[in-house]
Amino acid sequence: MRLSAMRRRLVSHRFPLAAALVLFGMLVARGNVSLPLFLALSAAMLAVCLLAPVRTVSERRRAASGTDGVRALETAPFAAALDGIPDPVLLIDRRGAVRHANLQYQRMLGAMRPGASVQIRFRSPEVLEMIQSALAGGAPGPVEFLERSPREHWFLLSISALASGADRRGGFLLHFRDLSELRRAERMRTDFIANASHELRTPLASLAGFIETLAGPARDDEGARDRFLAIMHEQAERMSRLIDDLLSLSRFETALGRSDFARVDLIDILVHVVGAFQPMAGRNDIAIALDRAALPDDRVFIHGSRDELIQLFENLVENAIKYGGDGGRVEIIATPAELGGMPATSIEVRDHGPGIESEHIPRLTERFYRVDVETSRGKQGTGLGLAIVKHIVTRHEGRLTIMSRPGEGTRVYVIFPAMVADNVDQNPEKDEKTET
């Protein structure tokens, strides 16, 4: 062995060699180790240091940066770049150990301890197979999987090597694309089609049955014919209402702009709706009252569509009469309010009927959701009224709140932003054109 090599090895291992000699010297001084044993141990330590391999500067740099080169990437700018990605991202080394989880990953999937195995974190066979394939040098395609913890999310997971070719020292980047909203929308569309088909199938089957009966056994039975024709007319009206509501809902969901919006008088719309429902309320012995005393003016202008707002309040008042009519009265109360710190107008439609259990309230605006299916169908409800209301309120940048307790009736609040005073045109001729 060359003298220079021996010197380099001794210098490289000087600290452990010095520590061992000091320790052995202390033991000799205390009499725990004899001098010959001390010399033998020192010679052994010296031989170990001379025979131990010495890493070059480049090797020591690679060791300091990690055996797979991932730590070299874990500089502050690189970690900040990963944290700035809006999707969950996970950085792992070539052994599958986690090196960095960005902020979005921690928010959606929980914290991930550095050094933990990524294959222990996920239980999906497809995910594990994809990771194992990538670690083995393959190029697997993305996989879709459902993650239930800490919350249910659908993800499209893809894995990319941070070094090209056969070199995998740079580790791998796992990218999680959140598909939850897309999956929920698909499920809603599927449920919508199924529910709409079911709602239409029932009256169609009824019509087909009565037509077959009238064409056969009841051909000459005038009493049965009149009774069946009345039922058929009722079922046809039910289908017509359902189709109208479906078309309205589709129109609001696909509406991209608000080109038909103009200045409309909210109080005038409420007066119109109350007058339209007076006959229906009278048949059911229900009094409808419009209270606008809290408003500073008899006219409240908002930016919106008159037809859509009429449909909104018609749905609310009709629901109050149908399902809350046991209380004998329906109240419509207009009051000043605030929305996002800006002036607004709140319209409350209140009934004094049986009320609704709290667990149903969050789902009332879902399409075809009914608290009591039989009661709703018996009252000629389509299950789409509040879904339409929700879309109209959203299009008008308003807010919808439903409050109810069993035995205390139901209160529905809609709040619309008021028009700025400078934008209110005081030309009465233009008012008449806008509102017709």
Protein backbone atom coordinates (compact mmCIF):
# COMPACT_ATOMS: atom_id res chain seq x y z
CA MET A 1 0.00 0.00 0.00
CA ARG A 2 1.35 3.40 -0.92
CA LEU A 3 2.28 5.85 1.82
CA SER A 4 -0.07 8.49 0.39
CA ALA A 5 -2.95 6.03 0.44
CA MET A 6 -2.18 5.06 4.03
CA ARG A 7 -2.07 8.72 5.01
CA ARG A 8 -5.39 9.41 3.28
CA ARG A 9 -7.04 6.50 5.06
CA LEU A 10 -5.68 7.56 8.45
CA VAL A 11 -6.87 11.15 7.87
CA SER A 12 -10.29 9.91 6.75
CA HIS A 13 -10.73 7.84 9.92
CA ARG A 14 -8.89 10.09 12.33
CA PHE A 15 -11.86 10.86 14.53
CA PRO A 16 -12.96 7.29 15.38
CA LEU A 17 -9.26 6.24 15.72
CA ALA A 18 -8.50 9.06 18.14
CA ALA A 19 -11.64 8.32 20.16
CA ALA A 20 -10.70 4.64 20.46
CA LEU A 21 -7.11 5.43 21.55
CA VAL A 22 -8.33 7.86 24.22
CA LEU A 23 -10.80 5.27 25.51
CA PHE A 24 -8.19 2.53 25.62
CA GLY A 25 -5.71 4.89 27.36
CA MET A 26 -8.29 5.65 30.08
CA LEU A 27 -8.88 1.95 30.61
CA VAL A 28 -5.11 1.34 30.94
CA ALA A 29 -4.75 4.23 33.41
CA ARG A 30 -7.52 2.75 35.58
CA GLY A 31 -5.98 -0.67 35.40
CA ASN A 32 -8.94 -2.23 33.58
CA VAL A 33 -6.81 -3.10 30.53
CA SER A 34 -3.20 -4.27 30.54
CA LEU A 35 -0.56 -2.54 28.42
CA PRO A 36 -0.08 -5.51 26.04
CA LEU A 37 -3.83 -5.67 25.47
CA PHE A 38 -3.86 -1.91 24.87
CA LEU A 39 -1.16 -2.26 22.22
CA ALA A 40 -2.96 -5.18 20.60
CA LEU A 41 -6.27 -3.28 20.46
CA SER A 42 -4.56 -0.17 19.09
CA ALA A 43 -2.88 -2.21 16.39
CA ALA A 44 -6.21 -3.79 15.48
CA MET A 45 -7.89 -0.39 15.23
CA LEU A 46 -5.06 0.90 13.08
CA ALA A 47 -5.36 -2.11 10.76
CA VAL A 48 -9.12 -1.61 10.44
CA CYS A 49 -8.63 2.03 9.52
CA LEU A 50 -5.99 1.20 6.94
CA LEU A 51 -8.10 -1.53 5.34
CA ALA A 52 -11.43 0.35 5.39
CA PRO A 53 -12.42 1.85 2.01
CA VAL A 54 -12.18 5.58 1.52
CA ARG A 55 -14.88 7.28 -0.57
CA THR A 56 -13.92 9.93 -3.05
CA VAL A 57 -15.30 13.46 -2.89
CA SER A 58 -17.92 12.71 -5.57
CA GLU A 59 -18.99 9.58 -3.71
CA ARG A 60 -19.33 11.50 -0.47
CA ARG A 61 -21.44 14.12 -2.28
CA ARG A 62 -23.73 11.45 -3.68
CA ALA A 63 -24.02 9.90 -0.23
CA ALA A 64 -24.87 13.26 1.28
CA SER A 65 -27.51 13.82 -1.38
CA GLY A 66 -29.08 10.40 -0.81
CA THR A 67 -28.50 7.09 -2.54
CA ASP A 68 -31.20 7.80 -5.07
CA GLY A 69 -30.57 11.47 -5.68
CA VAL A 70 -33.99 12.53 -4.37
CA ARG A 71 -32.62 14.64 -1.53
CA ALA A 72 -30.72 16.73 -4.06
CA LEU A 73 -34.10 17.69 -5.45
CA GLU A 74 -35.52 18.50 -2.02
CA THR A 75 -34.17 22.00 -1.94
CA ALA A 76 -36.42 24.78 -0.71
CA PRO A 77 -37.33 26.03 -4.22
CA PHE A 78 -38.24 22.52 -5.38
CA ALA A 79 -40.39 21.82 -2.30
CA ALA A 80 -42.05 25.23 -2.73
CA ALA A 81 -42.78 24.39 -6.37
CA LEU A 82 -44.44 21.12 -5.35
CA ASP A 83 -46.46 22.92 -2.65
CA GLY A 84 -47.68 25.38 -5.27
CA ILE A 85 -49.23 22.63 -7.42
CA PRO A 86 -53.04 22.68 -6.89
CA ASP A 87 -53.28 18.87 -7.09
CA PRO A 88 -51.95 16.38 -4.52
CA VAL A 89 -48.35 15.38 -5.36
CA LEU A 90 -46.09 12.84 -3.67
CA LEU A 91 -42.33 12.50 -4.19
CA ILE A 92 -40.82 9.07 -3.52
CA ASP A 93 -37.38 7.54 -3.97
CA ARG A 94 -36.49 4.43 -5.98
CA ARG A 95 -37.23 2.21 -2.97
CA GLY A 96 -40.75 3.64 -2.58
CA ALA A 97 -39.96 5.74 0.49
CA VAL A 98 -41.76 9.08 0.77
CA ARG A 99 -39.54 12.15 0.47
CA HIS A 100 -42.08 14.96 0.21
CA ALA A 101 -45.86 15.39 0.24
CA ASN A 102 -47.07 18.76 -1.01
CA LEU A 103 -49.60 20.89 0.87
CA GLN A 104 -52.58 19.83 -1.24
CA TYR A 105 -51.77 16.18 -0.60
CA GLN A 106 -51.72 16.81 3.13
CA ARG A 107 -55.05 18.65 2.97
CA MET A 108 -56.85 15.97 0.99
CA LEU A 109 -55.11 12.75 1.98
CA GLY A 110 -53.53 13.54 5.32
CA ALA A 111 -49.96 13.93 6.49
CA MET A 112 -47.28 11.56 5.18
CA ARG A 113 -44.18 10.93 7.28
CA PRO A 114 -40.91 11.25 5.30
CA GLY A 115 -39.25 7.88 4.96
CA ALA A 116 -42.51 5.93 5.22
CA SER A 117 -43.23 3.39 2.49
CA VAL A 118 -45.80 4.57 -0.02
CA GLN A 119 -46.88 0.97 -0.58
CA ILE A 120 -48.10 0.77 3.02
CA ARG A 121 -50.20 3.94 2.62
CA PHE A 122 -52.39 2.68 -0.24
CA ARG A 123 -54.41 -0.52 -0.30
CA SER A 124 -55.77 -0.44 -3.84
CA PRO A 125 -54.30 -3.38 -5.80
CA GLU A 126 -54.18 -1.27 -8.96
CA VAL A 127 -52.21 1.48 -7.21
CA LEU A 128 -49.76 -0.97 -5.64
CA GLU A 129 -49.23 -2.74 -8.96
CA MET A 130 -48.57 0.57 -10.72
CA ILE A 131 -46.02 1.69 -8.10
CA GLN A 132 -44.24 -1.67 -8.11
CA SER A 133 -44.06 -1.63 -11.89
CA ALA A 134 -42.54 1.87 -11.88
CA LEU A 135 -39.99 0.95 -9.20
CA ALA A 136 -38.99 -2.06 -11.28
CA GLY A 137 -38.24 0.15 -14.27
CA GLY A 138 -41.55 -0.10 -16.10
CA ALA A 139 -43.73 2.69 -17.48
CA PRO A 140 -47.25 1.99 -16.14
CA GLY A 141 -50.24 4.02 -17.24
CA PRO A 142 -52.49 6.00 -14.90
CA VAL A 143 -55.03 4.22 -12.73
CA GLU A 144 -58.30 5.40 -11.22
CA PHE A 145 -59.09 4.52 -7.62
CA LEU A 146 -61.35 5.46 -4.72
CA GLU A 147 -59.73 6.74 -1.54
CA ARG A 148 -62.04 6.61 1.49
CA SER A 149 -59.76 8.09 4.16
CA PRO A 150 -59.80 10.76 5.50
CA ARG A 151 -62.65 11.62 3.08
CA GLU A 152 -64.10 9.88 0.06
CA HIS A 153 -62.37 11.01 -3.13
CA TRP A 154 -61.96 9.59 -6.62
CA PHE A 155 -58.45 10.08 -8.03
CA LEU A 156 -56.68 9.48 -11.32
CA LEU A 157 -53.14 8.58 -10.24
CA SER A 158 -50.15 8.79 -12.56
CA ILE A 159 -46.48 8.19 -11.79
CA SER A 160 -43.51 9.78 -13.56
CA ALA A 161 -39.79 9.07 -13.22
CA LEU A 162 -37.67 12.13 -12.43
CA ALA A 163 -34.78 10.70 -14.51
CA SER A 164 -34.98 9.44 -18.05
CA GLY A 165 -34.11 6.00 -19.40
CA ALA A 166 -32.93 3.29 -17.04
CA ASP A 167 -31.61 5.83 -14.53
CA ARG A 168 -34.13 5.95 -11.67
CA ARG A 169 -31.90 7.73 -9.15
CA GLY A 170 -34.06 10.83 -9.34
CA GLY A 171 -37.03 9.05 -7.80
CA PHE A 172 -40.65 9.29 -8.87
CA LEU A 173 -43.45 11.84 -8.75
CA LEU A 174 -47.01 10.64 -8.02
CA HIS A 175 -49.70 13.01 -9.28
CA PHE A 176 -53.27 12.70 -7.98
CA ARG A 177 -55.97 14.28 -10.13
CA ASP A 178 -59.20 14.74 -8.19
CA LEU A 179 -62.17 13.27 -10.08
CA SER A 180 -64.65 13.53 -7.22
CA GLU A 181 -66.78 16.33 -8.69
CA LEU A 182 -66.83 14.60 -12.08
CA ARG A 183 -67.92 11.32 -10.50
CA ARG A 184 -70.60 13.07 -8.42
CA ALA A 185 -71.91 14.83 -11.53
CA GLU A 186 -72.03 11.52 -13.42
CA ARG A 187 -73.86 9.89 -10.53
CA MET A 188 -76.33 12.78 -10.41
CA ARG A 189 -76.97 12.48 -14.14
CA THR A 190 -77.49 8.74 -13.82
CA ASP A 191 -79.86 9.20 -10.90
CA PHE A 192 -81.63 11.98 -12.75
CA ILE A 193 -82.28 9.83 -15.81
CA ALA A 194 -83.43 6.92 -13.64
CA ASN A 195 -85.76 9.13 -11.59
CA ALA A 196 -87.15 10.94 -14.62
CA SER A 197 -87.80 7.62 -16.36
CA HIS A 198 -89.53 6.29 -13.28
CA GLU A 199 -91.69 9.40 -12.88
CA LEU A 200 -92.78 9.26 -16.51
CA ARG A 201 -93.27 5.50 -16.58
CA THR A 202 -95.95 5.54 -13.87
CA PRO A 203 -98.46 7.85 -15.61
CA LEU A 204 -97.68 6.26 -18.98
CA ALA A 205 -98.46 2.83 -17.61
CA SER A 206 -101.66 4.19 -16.10
CA LEU A 207 -102.70 5.75 -19.41
CA ALA A 208 -101.92 2.57 -21.32
CA GLY A 209 -103.96 0.50 -18.87
CA PHE A 210 -107.00 2.74 -19.05
CA ILE A 211 -106.85 2.94 -22.85
CA GLU A 212 -106.76 -0.84 -23.03
CA THR A 213 -109.72 -1.06 -20.64
CA LEU A 214 -111.76 1.50 -22.58
CA ALA A 215 -111.00 -0.31 -25.82
CA GLY A 216 -112.12 -3.61 -24.30
CA PRO A 217 -114.36 -4.40 -21.32
CA ALA A 218 -115.46 -0.79 -20.65
CA ARG A 219 -116.20 0.09 -24.26
CA ASP A 220 -119.92 0.55 -23.64
CA ASP A 221 -119.79 1.50 -19.95
CA GLU A 222 -120.44 5.25 -19.85
CA GLY A 223 -119.84 5.55 -16.09
CA ALA A 224 -116.50 3.77 -16.26
CA ARG A 225 -115.56 5.73 -19.36
CA ASP A 226 -116.16 9.09 -17.68
CA ARG A 227 -114.27 8.03 -14.55
CA PHE A 228 -111.34 6.64 -16.51
CA LEU A 229 -111.13 9.69 -18.79
CA ALA A 230 -110.92 11.95 -15.74
CA ILE A 231 -108.04 9.88 -14.34
CA MET A 232 -106.33 9.84 -17.73
CA HIS A 233 -106.63 13.61 -17.94
CA GLU A 234 -105.06 13.92 -14.48
CA GLN A 235 -102.16 11.63 -15.45
CA ALA A 236 -101.59 13.54 -18.69
CA GLU A 237 -101.42 16.80 -16.72
CA ARG A 238 -98.95 15.18 -14.35
CA MET A 239 -96.68 14.24 -17.25
CA SER A 240 -97.04 17.72 -18.71
CA ARG A 241 -96.00 19.33 -15.42
CA LEU A 242 -93.06 16.98 -15.10
CA ILE A 243 -91.87 17.67 -18.64
CA ASP A 244 -92.23 21.43 -18.12
CA ASP A 245 -90.18 21.25 -14.93
CA LEU A 246 -87.55 19.09 -16.61
CA LEU A 247 -87.25 21.57 -19.46
CA SER A 248 -87.03 24.49 -17.04
CA LEU A 249 -84.37 22.77 -14.97
CA SER A 250 -82.37 21.87 -18.07
CA ARG A 251 -82.61 25.43 -19.32
CA PHE A 252 -81.31 26.88 -16.03
CA GLU A 253 -78.51 24.33 -15.73
CA THR A 254 -77.23 24.97 -19.24
CA ALA A 255 -77.76 28.74 -19.25
CA LEU A 256 -74.39 30.40 -19.75
CA GLY A 257 -75.34 34.05 -19.71
CA ARG A 258 -77.90 36.44 -18.35
CA SER A 259 -78.62 38.42 -21.49
CA ASP A 260 -82.34 38.59 -20.68
CA PHE A 261 -81.71 40.22 -17.30
CA ALA A 262 -82.99 43.72 -16.73
CA ARG A 263 -84.25 45.91 -13.94
CA VAL A 264 -87.33 44.32 -12.37
CA ASP A 265 -89.53 45.36 -9.47
CA LEU A 266 -89.50 42.56 -6.88
CA ILE A 267 -92.60 43.83 -5.09
CA ASP A 268 -94.56 43.93 -8.33
CA ILE A 269 -93.61 40.27 -8.94
CA LEU A 270 -94.77 39.28 -5.46
CA VAL A 271 -98.10 41.06 -5.92
CA HIS A 272 -98.55 39.23 -9.23
CA VAL A 273 -97.80 35.82 -7.67
CA VAL A 274 -100.10 36.40 -4.69
CA GLY A 275 -102.93 37.38 -7.01
CA ALA A 276 -102.36 34.32 -9.20
CA PHE A 277 -102.59 31.94 -6.22
CA GLN A 278 -105.59 33.50 -4.48
CA PRO A 279 -108.07 31.11 -6.19
CA MET A 280 -106.02 28.04 -5.21
CA ALA A 281 -105.64 29.33 -1.66
CA GLY A 282 -109.37 30.03 -1.44
CA ARG A 283 -110.23 26.47 -2.49
CA ASN A 284 -108.01 25.20 0.33
CA ASP A 285 -109.23 27.74 2.94
CA ILE A 286 -105.81 29.35 3.17
CA ALA A 287 -105.12 33.06 3.55
CA ILE A 288 -102.10 34.53 1.71
CA ALA A 289 -100.65 37.73 3.15
CA LEU A 290 -97.92 39.93 1.67
CA ASP A 291 -96.09 41.99 4.31
CA ARG A 292 -93.78 44.70 2.98
CA ALA A 293 -94.15 47.22 5.80
CA ALA A 294 -90.47 46.91 6.77
CA LEU A 295 -89.33 48.17 3.37
CA PRO A 296 -88.51 51.87 3.07
CA ASP A 297 -90.15 52.02 -0.37
CA ASP A 298 -92.97 50.19 -2.13
CA ARG A 299 -90.67 49.40 -5.03
CA VAL A 300 -87.56 47.22 -4.78
CA PHE A 301 -85.49 46.91 -7.94
CA ILE A 302 -83.09 44.08 -8.62
CA HIS A 303 -81.22 42.95 -11.71
CA GLY A 304 -82.84 39.79 -12.98
CA SER A 305 -85.31 37.96 -15.17
CA ARG A 306 -88.96 38.65 -14.45
CA ASP A 307 -90.12 35.30 -15.82
CA GLU A 308 -87.58 33.35 -13.78
CA LEU A 309 -88.40 35.23 -10.58
CA ILE A 310 -92.12 34.68 -11.09
CA GLN A 311 -91.44 30.96 -11.51
CA LEU A 312 -89.32 30.96 -8.36
CA PHE A 313 -91.97 32.54 -6.14
CA GLU A 314 -94.75 30.50 -7.74
CA ASN A 315 -92.90 27.32 -6.74
CA LEU A 316 -92.38 28.56 -3.18
CA VAL A 317 -95.95 29.73 -2.68
CA GLU A 318 -97.40 26.60 -4.28
CA ASN A 319 -95.28 24.41 -1.97
CA ALA A 320 -96.42 26.43 1.04
CA ILE A 321 -100.06 25.97 0.08
CA LYS A 322 -99.72 22.26 -0.72
CA TYR A 323 -97.55 21.10 2.15
CA GLY A 324 -98.10 23.76 4.79
CA GLY A 325 -101.73 24.57 4.22
CA ASP A 326 -102.78 22.85 7.44
CA GLY A 327 -101.75 26.01 9.25
CA GLY A 328 -104.44 28.02 7.46
CA ARG A 329 -102.19 30.84 6.24
CA VAL A 330 -99.12 31.58 4.13
CA GLU A 331 -97.10 34.71 4.75
CA ILE A 332 -94.74 36.46 2.34
CA ILE A 333 -92.51 38.93 4.18
CA ALA A 334 -90.17 41.37 2.45
CA THR A 335 -87.43 43.02 4.54
CA PRO A 336 -84.17 44.89 3.93
CA ALA A 337 -81.06 42.72 4.27
CA GLU A 338 -77.38 42.49 3.47
CA LEU A 339 -75.58 40.11 1.14
CA GLY A 340 -71.81 40.11 1.14
CA GLY A 341 -71.78 43.45 2.93
CA MET A 342 -73.97 45.07 0.26
CA PRO A 343 -77.63 46.15 0.42
CA ALA A 344 -80.09 43.40 -0.44
CA THR A 345 -83.71 42.39 -0.07
CA SER A 346 -84.90 39.30 1.76
CA ILE A 347 -88.15 37.57 0.84
CA GLU A 348 -89.47 35.03 3.31
CA VAL A 349 -92.21 32.55 2.38
CA ARG A 350 -93.58 31.09 5.61
CA ASP A 351 -96.21 28.46 6.24
CA HIS A 352 -97.57 27.13 9.51
CA GLY A 353 -97.93 23.50 8.56
CA PRO A 354 -96.45 20.31 10.03
CA GLY A 355 -92.83 21.25 9.33
CA ILE A 356 -89.93 19.07 8.19
CA GLU A 357 -87.46 16.92 10.09
CA SER A 358 -83.94 18.40 10.19
CA GLU A 359 -82.28 15.48 8.37
CA HIS A 360 -84.33 16.21 5.23
CA ILE A 361 -83.52 19.93 4.94
CA PRO A 362 -80.03 19.67 3.33
CA ARG A 363 -81.46 17.49 0.55
CA LEU A 364 -84.63 19.42 -0.25
CA THR A 365 -83.08 21.12 -3.29
CA GLU A 366 -81.95 17.82 -4.84
CA ARG A 367 -83.78 16.78 -7.97
CA PHE A 368 -86.68 14.38 -7.27
CA TYR A 369 -85.99 14.36 -3.53
CA ARG A 370 -89.20 14.11 -1.53
CA VAL A 371 -89.78 13.97 2.20
CA ASP A 372 -92.90 11.86 1.65
CA VAL A 373 -93.18 10.36 -1.84
CA GLU A 374 -96.83 9.38 -1.64
CA THR A 375 -97.93 12.72 -0.19
CA SER A 376 -95.97 14.60 -2.85
CA ARG A 377 -97.49 12.60 -5.70
CA GLY A 378 -100.92 12.93 -4.17
CA LYS A 379 -100.50 16.70 -4.21
CA GLN A 380 -99.28 16.60 -7.83
CA GLY A 381 -95.68 17.43 -6.97
CA THR A 382 -92.86 16.64 -9.38
CA GLY A 383 -89.96 16.78 -6.91
CA LEU A 384 -88.21 19.45 -9.00
CA GLY A 385 -89.64 22.68 -7.62
CA LEU A 386 -86.93 23.51 -5.10
CA ALA A 387 -84.19 22.36 -7.48
CA ILE A 388 -85.48 24.96 -9.95
CA VAL A 389 -85.64 27.56 -7.16
CA LYS A 390 -82.02 26.87 -6.24
CA HIS A 391 -80.82 27.37 -9.83
CA ILE A 392 -82.77 30.60 -10.26
CA VAL A 393 -81.37 31.98 -6.99
CA THR A 394 -77.85 31.04 -8.09
CA ARG A 395 -78.32 32.72 -11.48
CA HIS A 396 -79.39 35.90 -9.67
CA GLU A 397 -76.34 35.75 -7.35
CA GLY A 398 -78.65 35.38 -4.37
CA ARG A 399 -78.85 33.09 -1.39
CA LEU A 400 -81.41 30.44 -0.45
CA THR A 401 -82.03 29.31 3.13
CA ILE A 402 -84.61 26.79 4.34
CA MET A 403 -85.55 26.52 8.02
CA SER A 404 -88.10 24.17 9.48
CA ARG A 405 -89.03 22.24 12.62
CA PRO A 406 -91.73 19.64 13.13
CA GLY A 407 -94.90 21.34 14.31
CA GLU A 408 -93.57 24.85 13.64
CA GLY A 409 -93.99 25.15 9.88
CA THR A 410 -91.39 25.97 7.24
CA ARG A 411 -89.64 29.23 6.38
CA VAL A 412 -87.86 29.73 3.07
CA TYR A 413 -85.65 32.81 2.64
CA VAL A 414 -84.34 34.12 -0.66
CA ILE A 415 -82.02 37.12 -0.60
CA PHE A 416 -81.20 39.13 -3.72
CA PRO A 417 -78.67 41.94 -4.07
CA ALA A 418 -80.33 45.31 -4.58
CA MET A 419 -79.54 47.48 -7.56
CA VAL A 420 -77.26 50.43 -6.96
CA ALA A 421 -79.25 53.67 -6.74
CA ASP A 422 -77.27 55.30 -9.57
CA ASN A 423 -78.29 52.48 -11.93
CA VAL A 424 -82.00 52.80 -11.26
CA ASP A 425 -83.64 54.52 -14.21
CA GLN A 426 -86.51 56.65 -13.10
CA ASN A 427 -88.14 56.69 -16.55
CA PRO A 428 -91.60 55.13 -16.03
CA GLU A 429 -91.95 54.33 -19.73
CA LYS A 430 -88.83 52.20 -19.56
CA ASP A 431 -90.21 50.53 -16.41
CA GLU A 432 -93.32 49.48 -18.27
CA LYS A 433 -91.32 48.05 -21.19
CA THR A 434 -88.99 46.18 -18.87
CA GLU A 435 -91.76 44.54 -16.86
CA THR A 436 -94.00 43.46 -19.73
